[in-house]
């Protein structure tokens, strides 16, 4: 049943009706993840990459209180220019933004919610949120993880953001029954770097096998999504010692400035970008493009299985 608050872009609606592949994209990366105009350029580049690989992009956001599955170029420009003045919207914020007819950029969690409403099963992003370092004191756990436990969307990412506690993030996902698939890797990628100390239980090297696993999970009526961990391409990966040093410094500064909650991730990513001389931003763009390519292939294989 179509949700009364949801607008599906005609191109996206047409693809879904014809069982053609669609890939959801988040919008927080536009408003909060990068400076203007690089954010808009990257968003349009990622959409173009998805089209080049045979799928239809559906960038997701809230515009004037309407849930949008698929944006126009003007709407992407609006989010990019608005930057951090645009609300960052997670599950708890959604009713307020809709009721107030406000605009907002969607986190991983909210993108999953709106994608599922629209019937989109595959979503490409940079990295998922997770358990923050020091969560044993702060209880700061991203809503992305709870969404993965309950919403049936596969999220293609370069692992969890490396500013997080990766071990506890994996433990949380395991507790909630969320499969984490390593795409051509045996260890969890750490966003800017290709691996970490954390071994994964499941590795699949082909998009068709990932799509079959998604289909099996949902045919079994198991709740929730799937994490597809796709390492950053080797030529764009950053030295682990350099990234770790930048993260440690950024974490110390965040604590000193009492940065917490939904502001912590944008603060930390921006500070890491500054400390690495902008190299982390370039790496971020490349890993999103890489995830968009894999997500397009998975969406295509999933459509083939659905047609069968």
C-alpha atoms as a PDB file:
ATOM      1  CA  UNK A   1       0.000   0.000   0.000  1.00  0.00           C
ATOM      2  CA  UNK A   2       1.423   3.371  -1.058  1.00  0.00           C
ATOM      3  CA  UNK A   3       2.258   5.696   1.836  1.00  0.00           C
ATOM      4  CA  UNK A   4       0.368   8.996   1.637  1.00  0.00           C
ATOM      5  CA  UNK A   5       3.504  10.968   2.586  1.00  0.00           C
ATOM      6  CA  UNK A   6       5.705   9.394  -0.105  1.00  0.00           C
ATOM      7  CA  UNK A   7       6.533  10.759  -3.567  1.00  0.00           C
ATOM      8  CA  UNK A   8       8.313   8.333  -5.889  1.00  0.00           C
ATOM      9  CA  UNK A   9      10.108  10.020  -8.782  1.00  0.00           C
ATOM     10  CA  UNK A  10       8.489   8.963 -12.097  1.00  0.00           C
ATOM     11  CA  UNK A  11      11.721   7.392 -13.396  1.00  0.00           C
ATOM     12  CA  UNK A  12      12.070   5.360 -10.189  1.00  0.00           C
ATOM     13  CA  UNK A  13       8.392   4.365 -10.194  1.00  0.00           C
ATOM     14  CA  UNK A  14       8.647   3.225 -13.812  1.00  0.00           C
ATOM     15  CA  UNK A  15      11.729   1.097 -13.068  1.00  0.00           C
ATOM     16  CA  UNK A  16      10.132  -0.504 -10.013  1.00  0.00           C
ATOM     17  CA  UNK A  17       6.933  -1.300 -11.927  1.00  0.00           C
ATOM     18  CA  UNK A  18       8.979  -2.970 -14.684  1.00  0.00           C
ATOM     19  CA  UNK A  19      11.189  -4.905 -12.200  1.00  0.00           C
ATOM     20  CA  UNK A  20      14.286  -3.003 -13.322  1.00  0.00           C
ATOM     21  CA  UNK A  21      17.139  -2.385 -10.858  1.00  0.00           C
ATOM     22  CA  UNK A  22      16.946   0.655  -8.570  1.00  0.00           C
ATOM     23  CA  UNK A  23      19.615   1.757  -6.075  1.00  0.00           C
ATOM     24  CA  UNK A  24      18.761   4.046  -3.158  1.00  0.00           C
ATOM     25  CA  UNK A  25      21.200   6.762  -2.063  1.00  0.00           C
ATOM     26  CA  UNK A  26      21.232   8.786   1.152  1.00  0.00           C
ATOM     27  CA  UNK A  27      21.255  12.582   1.308  1.00  0.00           C
ATOM     28  CA  UNK A  28      23.120  13.299   4.564  1.00  0.00           C
ATOM     29  CA  UNK A  29      26.328  12.766   2.601  1.00  0.00           C
ATOM     30  CA  UNK A  30      25.216  15.748   0.458  1.00  0.00           C
ATOM     31  CA  UNK A  31      24.236  18.144   3.237  1.00  0.00           C
ATOM     32  CA  UNK A  32      26.588  17.105   6.039  1.00  0.00           C
ATOM     33  CA  UNK A  33      29.267  14.910   4.469  1.00  0.00           C
ATOM     34  CA  UNK A  34      31.081  17.260   2.092  1.00  0.00           C
ATOM     35  CA  UNK A  35      31.475  20.986   1.368  1.00  0.00           C
ATOM     36  CA  UNK A  36      29.573  22.727  -1.451  1.00  0.00           C
ATOM     37  CA  UNK A  37      29.899  22.414  -4.453  1.00  0.00           C
ATOM     38  CA  UNK A  38      31.818  19.140  -4.125  1.00  0.00           C
ATOM     39  CA  UNK A  39      28.809  17.567  -2.398  1.00  0.00           C
ATOM     40  CA  UNK A  40      26.478  18.271  -5.339  1.00  0.00           C
ATOM     41  CA  UNK A  41      29.088  17.238  -7.910  1.00  0.00           C
ATOM     42  CA  UNK A  42      29.655  13.961  -6.056  1.00  0.00           C
ATOM     43  CA  UNK A  43      25.927  13.236  -5.690  1.00  0.00           C
ATOM     44  CA  UNK A  44      25.380  13.711  -9.428  1.00  0.00           C
ATOM     45  CA  UNK A  45      28.508  11.679 -10.212  1.00  0.00           C
ATOM     46  CA  UNK A  46      27.258   8.773  -8.079  1.00  0.00           C
ATOM     47  CA  UNK A  47      23.861   8.892  -9.803  1.00  0.00           C
ATOM     48  CA  UNK A  48      25.617   8.861 -13.198  1.00  0.00           C
ATOM     49  CA  UNK A  49      27.740   5.875 -12.118  1.00  0.00           C
ATOM     50  CA  UNK A  50      24.610   3.917 -11.202  1.00  0.00           C
ATOM     51  CA  UNK A  51      23.015   4.722 -14.574  1.00  0.00           C
ATOM     52  CA  UNK A  52      26.220   3.694 -16.369  1.00  0.00           C
ATOM     53  CA  UNK A  53      25.933   0.302 -14.686  1.00  0.00           C
ATOM     54  CA  UNK A  54      22.358  -0.304 -15.766  1.00  0.00           C
ATOM     55  CA  UNK A  55      20.366   0.761 -12.714  1.00  0.00           C
ATOM     56  CA  UNK A  56      18.214   3.756 -11.769  1.00  0.00           C
ATOM     57  CA  UNK A  57      19.396   5.962  -8.871  1.00  0.00           C
ATOM     58  CA  UNK A  58      16.920   7.025  -6.186  1.00  0.00           C
ATOM     59  CA  UNK A  59      18.468   9.669  -3.951  1.00  0.00           C
ATOM     60  CA  UNK A  60      16.265   9.929  -0.878  1.00  0.00           C
ATOM     61  CA  UNK A  61      15.405  13.010   1.206  1.00  0.00           C
ATOM     62  CA  UNK A  62      12.505  14.943   2.723  1.00  0.00           C
ATOM     63  CA  UNK A  63      11.490  18.106   0.851  1.00  0.00           C
ATOM     64  CA  UNK A  64       8.847  20.387   2.411  1.00  0.00           C
ATOM     65  CA  UNK A  65       7.543  17.503   4.492  1.00  0.00           C
ATOM     66  CA  UNK A  66       7.276  15.052   1.584  1.00  0.00           C
ATOM     67  CA  UNK A  67       9.290  11.828   1.604  1.00  0.00           C
ATOM     68  CA  UNK A  68      11.143  11.657  -1.702  1.00  0.00           C
ATOM     69  CA  UNK A  69      12.382   8.476  -3.371  1.00  0.00           C
ATOM     70  CA  UNK A  70      14.331  10.027  -6.222  1.00  0.00           C
ATOM     71  CA  UNK A  71      15.338  13.690  -6.480  1.00  0.00           C
ATOM     72  CA  UNK A  72      15.624  16.187  -9.303  1.00  0.00           C
ATOM     73  CA  UNK A  73      18.951  17.924  -9.963  1.00  0.00           C
ATOM     74  CA  UNK A  74      17.449  21.109  -8.491  1.00  0.00           C
ATOM     75  CA  UNK A  75      16.516  19.293  -5.271  1.00  0.00           C
ATOM     76  CA  UNK A  76      20.053  17.901  -4.958  1.00  0.00           C
ATOM     77  CA  UNK A  77      21.406  21.431  -5.482  1.00  0.00           C
ATOM     78  CA  UNK A  78      19.054  22.726  -2.775  1.00  0.00           C
ATOM     79  CA  UNK A  79      20.333  20.165  -0.250  1.00  0.00           C
ATOM     80  CA  UNK A  80      23.946  20.834  -1.199  1.00  0.00           C
ATOM     81  CA  UNK A  81      23.674  24.601  -0.863  1.00  0.00           C
ATOM     82  CA  UNK A  82      21.726  24.301   2.388  1.00  0.00           C
ATOM     83  CA  UNK A  83      24.489  22.207   3.920  1.00  0.00           C
ATOM     84  CA  UNK A  84      24.312  21.878   7.679  1.00  0.00           C
ATOM     85  CA  UNK A  85      21.328  24.228   7.840  1.00  0.00           C
ATOM     86  CA  UNK A  86      19.367  21.264   6.453  1.00  0.00           C
ATOM     87  CA  UNK A  87      18.099  19.007   9.243  1.00  0.00           C
ATOM     88  CA  UNK A  88      19.846  15.646   9.609  1.00  0.00           C
ATOM     89  CA  UNK A  89      16.922  13.244   9.957  1.00  0.00           C
ATOM     90  CA  UNK A  90      16.968   9.837  11.625  1.00  0.00           C
ATOM     91  CA  UNK A  91      13.975   7.647  12.560  1.00  0.00           C
ATOM     92  CA  UNK A  92      13.079   9.622  15.708  1.00  0.00           C
ATOM     93  CA  UNK A  93      13.057  12.940  13.802  1.00  0.00           C
ATOM     94  CA  UNK A  94      10.913  11.854  10.868  1.00  0.00           C
ATOM     95  CA  UNK A  95       7.441  12.646  12.327  1.00  0.00           C
ATOM     96  CA  UNK A  96       8.507  16.180  13.307  1.00  0.00           C
ATOM     97  CA  UNK A  97       9.987  16.978   9.883  1.00  0.00           C
ATOM     98  CA  UNK A  98       6.907  15.652   8.065  1.00  0.00           C
ATOM     99  CA  UNK A  99       4.377  17.328  10.381  1.00  0.00           C
ATOM    100  CA  UNK A 100       6.248  20.635  10.189  1.00  0.00           C
ATOM    101  CA  UNK A 101       6.528  20.398   6.381  1.00  0.00           C
ATOM    102  CA  UNK A 102      10.270  20.903   6.696  1.00  0.00           C
ATOM    103  CA  UNK A 103      13.128  19.600   4.573  1.00  0.00           C
ATOM    104  CA  UNK A 104      15.706  17.125   5.778  1.00  0.00           C
ATOM    105  CA  UNK A 105      18.607  14.960   4.684  1.00  0.00           C
ATOM    106  CA  UNK A 106      18.293  11.262   5.414  1.00  0.00           C
ATOM    107  CA  UNK A 107      20.743   9.189   7.427  1.00  0.00           C
ATOM    108  CA  UNK A 108      21.341   5.526   6.632  1.00  0.00           C
ATOM    109  CA  UNK A 109      18.439   4.602   8.943  1.00  0.00           C
ATOM    110  CA  UNK A 110      15.921   6.998   7.393  1.00  0.00           C
ATOM    111  CA  UNK A 111      17.049   6.184   3.866  1.00  0.00           C
ATOM    112  CA  UNK A 112      16.339   2.523   4.618  1.00  0.00           C
ATOM    113  CA  UNK A 113      12.857   3.376   5.933  1.00  0.00           C
ATOM    114  CA  UNK A 114      11.889   5.396   2.850  1.00  0.00           C
ATOM    115  CA  UNK A 115      13.527   2.929   0.437  1.00  0.00           C
ATOM    116  CA  UNK A 116      11.528   0.084   1.987  1.00  0.00           C
ATOM    117  CA  UNK A 117       8.311   2.136   1.705  1.00  0.00           C
ATOM    118  CA  UNK A 118       9.024   2.614  -2.002  1.00  0.00           C
ATOM    119  CA  UNK A 119       9.900  -1.053  -2.586  1.00  0.00           C
ATOM    120  CA  UNK A 120      13.642  -0.494  -3.119  1.00  0.00           C
ATOM    121  CA  UNK A 121      15.778  -3.353  -1.798  1.00  0.00           C
ATOM    122  CA  UNK A 122      19.352  -2.127  -2.403  1.00  0.00           C
ATOM    123  CA  UNK A 123      21.035   0.987  -1.023  1.00  0.00           C
ATOM    124  CA  UNK A 124      24.589   2.264  -1.591  1.00  0.00           C
ATOM    125  CA  UNK A 125      26.335   4.513   0.917  1.00  0.00           C
ATOM    126  CA  UNK A 126      29.821   5.297   2.192  1.00  0.00           C
ATOM    127  CA  UNK A 127      29.809   3.661   5.607  1.00  0.00           C
ATOM    128  CA  UNK A 128      27.165   2.708   8.128  1.00  0.00           C
ATOM    129  CA  UNK A 129      26.941   4.180  11.603  1.00  0.00           C
ATOM    130  CA  UNK A 130      27.684   1.948  14.538  1.00  0.00           C
ATOM    131  CA  UNK A 131      28.701   1.752  18.162  1.00  0.00           C
ATOM    132  CA  UNK A 132      30.727   4.835  19.070  1.00  0.00           C
ATOM    133  CA  UNK A 133      33.999   4.547  20.937  1.00  0.00           C
ATOM    134  CA  UNK A 134      33.314   4.953  24.638  1.00  0.00           C
ATOM    135  CA  UNK A 135      29.730   3.693  24.230  1.00  0.00           C
ATOM    136  CA  UNK A 136      30.085   1.761  27.492  1.00  0.00           C
ATOM    137  CA  UNK A 137      29.894   5.206  29.133  1.00  0.00           C
ATOM    138  CA  UNK A 138      27.798   7.225  26.677  1.00  0.00           C
ATOM    139  CA  UNK A 139      25.443   4.528  25.279  1.00  0.00           C
ATOM    140  CA  UNK A 140      25.983   6.250  21.912  1.00  0.00           C
ATOM    141  CA  UNK A 141      24.870   3.662  19.361  1.00  0.00           C
ATOM    142  CA  UNK A 142      23.783   4.734  15.880  1.00  0.00           C
ATOM    143  CA  UNK A 143      20.129   4.211  14.958  1.00  0.00           C
ATOM    144  CA  UNK A 144      21.471   2.712  11.707  1.00  0.00           C
ATOM    145  CA  UNK A 145      22.125  -0.564  13.526  1.00  0.00           C
ATOM    146  CA  UNK A 146      18.598  -0.888  14.889  1.00  0.00           C
ATOM    147  CA  UNK A 147      17.220  -0.089  11.434  1.00  0.00           C
ATOM    148  CA  UNK A 148      19.342  -2.848   9.946  1.00  0.00           C
ATOM    149  CA  UNK A 149      17.764  -5.179  12.501  1.00  0.00           C
ATOM    150  CA  UNK A 150      14.217  -4.439  11.346  1.00  0.00           C
ATOM    151  CA  UNK A 151      14.049  -2.982   7.809  1.00  0.00           C
ATOM    152  CA  UNK A 152      14.474  -5.227   4.720  1.00  0.00           C
ATOM    153  CA  UNK A 153      17.088  -3.339   2.691  1.00  0.00           C
ATOM    154  CA  UNK A 154      20.609  -4.429   1.725  1.00  0.00           C
ATOM    155  CA  UNK A 155      23.173  -1.716   2.486  1.00  0.00           C
ATOM    156  CA  UNK A 156      26.340  -1.726   0.384  1.00  0.00           C
ATOM    157  CA  UNK A 157      29.069   0.134   2.269  1.00  0.00           C
ATOM    158  CA  UNK A 158      32.807   0.252   2.921  1.00  0.00           C
ATOM    159  CA  UNK A 159      32.169  -1.187   6.383  1.00  0.00           C
ATOM    160  CA  UNK A 160      31.397   0.980   9.391  1.00  0.00           C
ATOM    161  CA  UNK A 161      32.973   4.413   9.625  1.00  0.00           C
ATOM    162  CA  UNK A 162      36.461   3.994  11.071  1.00  0.00           C
ATOM    163  CA  UNK A 163      35.804   6.617  13.769  1.00  0.00           C
ATOM    164  CA  UNK A 164      33.613   3.959  15.469  1.00  0.00           C
ATOM    165  CA  UNK A 165      34.244   0.899  17.632  1.00  0.00           C
ATOM    166  CA  UNK A 166      34.236  -1.717  14.876  1.00  0.00           C
ATOM    167  CA  UNK A 167      34.350  -4.736  17.180  1.00  0.00           C
ATOM    168  CA  UNK A 168      31.316  -3.669  19.198  1.00  0.00           C
ATOM    169  CA  UNK A 169      29.497  -2.710  15.993  1.00  0.00           C
ATOM    170  CA  UNK A 170      29.911  -6.266  14.682  1.00  0.00           C
ATOM    171  CA  UNK A 171      28.784  -7.687  18.039  1.00  0.00           C
ATOM    172  CA  UNK A 172      25.624  -5.563  17.926  1.00  0.00           C
ATOM    173  CA  UNK A 173      24.807  -6.674  14.375  1.00  0.00           C
ATOM    174  CA  UNK A 174      25.361 -10.327  15.313  1.00  0.00           C
ATOM    175  CA  UNK A 175      23.076 -10.034  18.347  1.00  0.00           C
ATOM    176  CA  UNK A 176      20.311  -8.632  16.143  1.00  0.00           C
ATOM    177  CA  UNK A 177      20.707 -11.243  13.420  1.00  0.00           C
ATOM    178  CA  UNK A 178      22.006  -8.923  10.691  1.00  0.00           C
ATOM    179  CA  UNK A 179      24.166 -10.774   8.135  1.00  0.00           C
ATOM    180  CA  UNK A 180      27.442  -9.012   7.336  1.00  0.00           C
ATOM    181  CA  UNK A 181      28.820 -10.166   3.986  1.00  0.00           C
ATOM    182  CA  UNK A 182      32.402  -9.458   3.002  1.00  0.00           C
ATOM    183  CA  UNK A 183      32.502  -8.793  -0.744  1.00  0.00           C
ATOM    184  CA  UNK A 184      35.804 -10.311  -1.850  1.00  0.00           C
ATOM    185  CA  UNK A 185      37.226  -9.768   1.631  1.00  0.00           C
ATOM    186  CA  UNK A 186      37.641 -11.826   4.798  1.00  0.00           C
ATOM    187  CA  UNK A 187      37.905  -8.956   7.288  1.00  0.00           C
ATOM    188  CA  UNK A 188      35.609  -6.005   7.920  1.00  0.00           C
ATOM    189  CA  UNK A 189      36.729  -3.016   5.829  1.00  0.00           C
ATOM    190  CA  UNK A 190      37.340   0.090   7.924  1.00  0.00           C
ATOM    191  CA  UNK A 191      36.019   2.764   5.553  1.00  0.00           C
ATOM    192  CA  UNK A 192      39.260   4.527   4.530  1.00  0.00           C
ATOM    193  CA  UNK A 193      41.290   1.309   4.802  1.00  0.00           C
ATOM    194  CA  UNK A 194      40.636  -2.037   3.131  1.00  0.00           C
ATOM    195  CA  UNK A 195      40.600  -4.183   6.240  1.00  0.00           C
ATOM    196  CA  UNK A 196      40.655  -4.279  10.018  1.00  0.00           C
ATOM    197  CA  UNK A 197      41.463  -6.751  12.762  1.00  0.00           C
ATOM    198  CA  UNK A 198      37.901  -8.106  12.678  1.00  0.00           C
ATOM    199  CA  UNK A 199      37.304 -11.301  10.698  1.00  0.00           C
ATOM    200  CA  UNK A 200      33.939 -11.793   9.042  1.00  0.00           C
ATOM    201  CA  UNK A 201      32.010 -15.062   9.119  1.00  0.00           C
ATOM    202  CA  UNK A 202      30.715 -14.825   5.555  1.00  0.00           C
ATOM    203  CA  UNK A 203      32.454 -13.929   2.297  1.00  0.00           C
ATOM    204  CA  UNK A 204      30.748 -13.808  -1.108  1.00  0.00           C
ATOM    205  CA  UNK A 205      32.614 -12.753  -4.238  1.00  0.00           C
ATOM    206  CA  UNK A 206      29.782 -12.424  -6.769  1.00  0.00           C
ATOM    207  CA  UNK A 207      26.786 -10.087  -6.909  1.00  0.00           C
ATOM    208  CA  UNK A 208      24.526 -13.005  -7.868  1.00  0.00           C
ATOM    209  CA  UNK A 209      25.403 -14.876  -4.663  1.00  0.00           C
ATOM    210  CA  UNK A 210      24.746 -11.776  -2.561  1.00  0.00           C
ATOM    211  CA  UNK A 211      21.354 -11.290  -4.243  1.00  0.00           C
ATOM    212  CA  UNK A 212      20.476 -14.948  -3.642  1.00  0.00           C
ATOM    213  CA  UNK A 213      21.340 -14.569   0.053  1.00  0.00           C
ATOM    214  CA  UNK A 214      19.126 -11.484   0.320  1.00  0.00           C
ATOM    215  CA  UNK A 215      16.255 -13.308  -1.349  1.00  0.00           C
ATOM    216  CA  UNK A 216      16.673 -16.351   0.913  1.00  0.00           C
ATOM    217  CA  UNK A 217      16.662 -14.211   4.055  1.00  0.00           C
ATOM    218  CA  UNK A 218      13.438 -12.460   3.152  1.00  0.00           C
ATOM    219  CA  UNK A 219      11.749 -15.605   1.819  1.00  0.00           C
ATOM    220  CA  UNK A 220      12.460 -17.110   5.238  1.00  0.00           C
ATOM    221  CA  UNK A 221      10.574 -14.113   6.677  1.00  0.00           C
ATOM    222  CA  UNK A 222      13.585 -13.064   8.723  1.00  0.00           C
ATOM    223  CA  UNK A 223      13.303  -9.416   9.675  1.00  0.00           C
ATOM    224  CA  UNK A 224      15.867  -6.784   8.868  1.00  0.00           C
ATOM    225  CA  UNK A 225      18.479  -5.960   6.305  1.00  0.00           C
ATOM    226  CA  UNK A 226      21.867  -7.137   5.116  1.00  0.00           C
ATOM    227  CA  UNK A 227      25.244  -5.383   5.292  1.00  0.00           C
ATOM    228  CA  UNK A 228      27.453  -5.840   2.229  1.00  0.00           C
ATOM    229  CA  UNK A 229      30.965  -4.749   3.203  1.00  0.00           C
ATOM    230  CA  UNK A 230      32.868  -3.677   0.087  1.00  0.00           C
ATOM    231  CA  UNK A 231      36.478  -2.505   0.597  1.00  0.00           C
ATOM    232  CA  UNK A 232      37.656   0.807  -0.828  1.00  0.00           C
ATOM    233  CA  UNK A 233      39.640   0.232  -4.074  1.00  0.00           C
ATOM    234  CA  UNK A 234      43.280  -0.408  -3.256  1.00  0.00           C
ATOM    235  CA  UNK A 235      44.626   2.619  -5.135  1.00  0.00           C
ATOM    236  CA  UNK A 236      42.477   4.961  -3.008  1.00  0.00           C
ATOM    237  CA  UNK A 237      42.975   3.292   0.373  1.00  0.00           C
ATOM    238  CA  UNK A 238      44.793   5.335   3.001  1.00  0.00           C
ATOM    239  CA  UNK A 239      47.634   4.178   5.282  1.00  0.00           C
ATOM    240  CA  UNK A 240      46.086   2.832   8.474  1.00  0.00           C
ATOM    241  CA  UNK A 241      48.600   4.546  10.780  1.00  0.00           C
ATOM    242  CA  UNK A 242      47.881   7.958   9.221  1.00  0.00           C
ATOM    243  CA  UNK A 243      44.100   7.547   9.491  1.00  0.00           C
ATOM    244  CA  UNK A 244      44.306   6.138  13.029  1.00  0.00           C
ATOM    245  CA  UNK A 245      46.405   9.104  14.196  1.00  0.00           C
ATOM    246  CA  UNK A 246      43.951  11.586  12.653  1.00  0.00           C
ATOM    247  CA  UNK A 247      40.973   9.786  14.222  1.00  0.00           C
ATOM    248  CA  UNK A 248      42.560   9.740  17.672  1.00  0.00           C
ATOM    249  CA  UNK A 249      43.255  13.475  17.480  1.00  0.00           C
ATOM    250  CA  UNK A 250      39.720  14.212  16.234  1.00  0.00           C
ATOM    251  CA  UNK A 251      38.183  12.094  19.008  1.00  0.00           C
ATOM    252  CA  UNK A 252      40.189  13.983  21.622  1.00  0.00           C
ATOM    253  CA  UNK A 253      39.059  17.320  20.212  1.00  0.00           C
ATOM    254  CA  UNK A 254      35.419  16.187  20.101  1.00  0.00           C
ATOM    255  CA  UNK A 255      35.564  15.203  23.765  1.00  0.00           C
ATOM    256  CA  UNK A 256      37.243  18.484  24.726  1.00  0.00           C
ATOM    257  CA  UNK A 257      34.555  20.453  22.864  1.00  0.00           C
ATOM    258  CA  UNK A 258      31.677  18.284  24.205  1.00  0.00           C
ATOM    259  CA  UNK A 259      30.604  17.288  20.694  1.00  0.00           C
ATOM    260  CA  UNK A 260      28.138  14.399  21.007  1.00  0.00           C
ATOM    261  CA  UNK A 261      25.051  12.752  19.522  1.00  0.00           C
ATOM    262  CA  UNK A 262      24.145  13.359  15.898  1.00  0.00           C
ATOM    263  CA  UNK A 263      26.786  16.103  15.604  1.00  0.00           C
ATOM    264  CA  UNK A 264      29.677  13.780  16.408  1.00  0.00           C
ATOM    265  CA  UNK A 265      29.983  11.948  13.081  1.00  0.00           C
ATOM    266  CA  UNK A 266      29.971  15.086  10.839  1.00  0.00           C
ATOM    267  CA  UNK A 267      32.442  16.764  13.224  1.00  0.00           C
ATOM    268  CA  UNK A 268      34.810  13.799  13.276  1.00  0.00           C
ATOM    269  CA  UNK A 269      34.727  13.200   9.510  1.00  0.00           C
ATOM    270  CA  UNK A 270      35.327  16.897   8.776  1.00  0.00           C
ATOM    271  CA  UNK A 271      38.205  17.039  11.260  1.00  0.00           C
ATOM    272  CA  UNK A 272      39.796  13.862   9.869  1.00  0.00           C
ATOM    273  CA  UNK A 273      39.545  15.416   6.394  1.00  0.00           C
ATOM    274  CA  UNK A 274      41.396  18.523   7.626  1.00  0.00           C
ATOM    275  CA  UNK A 275      44.054  16.496   9.432  1.00  0.00           C
ATOM    276  CA  UNK A 276      44.747  14.353   6.347  1.00  0.00           C
ATOM    277  CA  UNK A 277      45.032  17.360   4.048  1.00  0.00           C
ATOM    278  CA  UNK A 278      41.807  16.505   2.237  1.00  0.00           C
ATOM    279  CA  UNK A 279      42.978  13.021   1.273  1.00  0.00           C
ATOM    280  CA  UNK A 280      40.201  11.389   3.280  1.00  0.00           C
ATOM    281  CA  UNK A 281      37.548  13.345   1.348  1.00  0.00           C
ATOM    282  CA  UNK A 282      38.954  12.119  -1.972  1.00  0.00           C
ATOM    283  CA  UNK A 283      38.980   8.568  -0.593  1.00  0.00           C
ATOM    284  CA  UNK A 284      35.388   9.001   0.627  1.00  0.00           C
ATOM    285  CA  UNK A 285      34.213   9.939  -2.875  1.00  0.00           C
ATOM    286  CA  UNK A 286      35.942   6.952  -4.458  1.00  0.00           C
ATOM    287  CA  UNK A 287      34.552   4.432  -1.987  1.00  0.00           C
ATOM    288  CA  UNK A 288      30.998   5.727  -2.537  1.00  0.00           C
ATOM    289  CA  UNK A 289      31.426   5.338  -6.311  1.00  0.00           C
ATOM    290  CA  UNK A 290      32.776   1.827  -5.776  1.00  0.00           C
ATOM    291  CA  UNK A 291      29.782   0.922  -3.610  1.00  0.00           C
ATOM    292  CA  UNK A 292      27.394   2.362  -6.202  1.00  0.00           C
ATOM    293  CA  UNK A 293      28.850   0.054  -8.855  1.00  0.00           C
ATOM    294  CA  UNK A 294      28.479  -3.047  -6.693  1.00  0.00           C
ATOM    295  CA  UNK A 295      24.977  -2.039  -5.550  1.00  0.00           C
ATOM    296  CA  UNK A 296      23.906  -1.680  -9.194  1.00  0.00           C
ATOM    297  CA  UNK A 297      25.115  -5.203  -9.955  1.00  0.00           C
ATOM    298  CA  UNK A 298      23.389  -6.653  -6.875  1.00  0.00           C
ATOM    299  CA  UNK A 299      20.128  -4.845  -7.701  1.00  0.00           C
ATOM    300  CA  UNK A 300      20.237  -6.236 -11.253  1.00  0.00           C
ATOM    301  CA  UNK A 301      20.797  -9.796 -10.026  1.00  0.00           C
ATOM    302  CA  UNK A 302      18.037  -9.419  -7.425  1.00  0.00           C
ATOM    303  CA  UNK A 303      15.586  -8.310 -10.123  1.00  0.00           C
ATOM    304  CA  UNK A 304      16.500 -11.376 -12.195  1.00  0.00           C
ATOM    305  CA  UNK A 305      15.788 -13.644  -9.222  1.00  0.00           C
ATOM    306  CA  UNK A 306      12.496 -11.862  -8.528  1.00  0.00           C
ATOM    307  CA  UNK A 307      11.435 -12.304 -12.155  1.00  0.00           C
ATOM    308  CA  UNK A 308      12.177 -16.023 -11.944  1.00  0.00           C
END
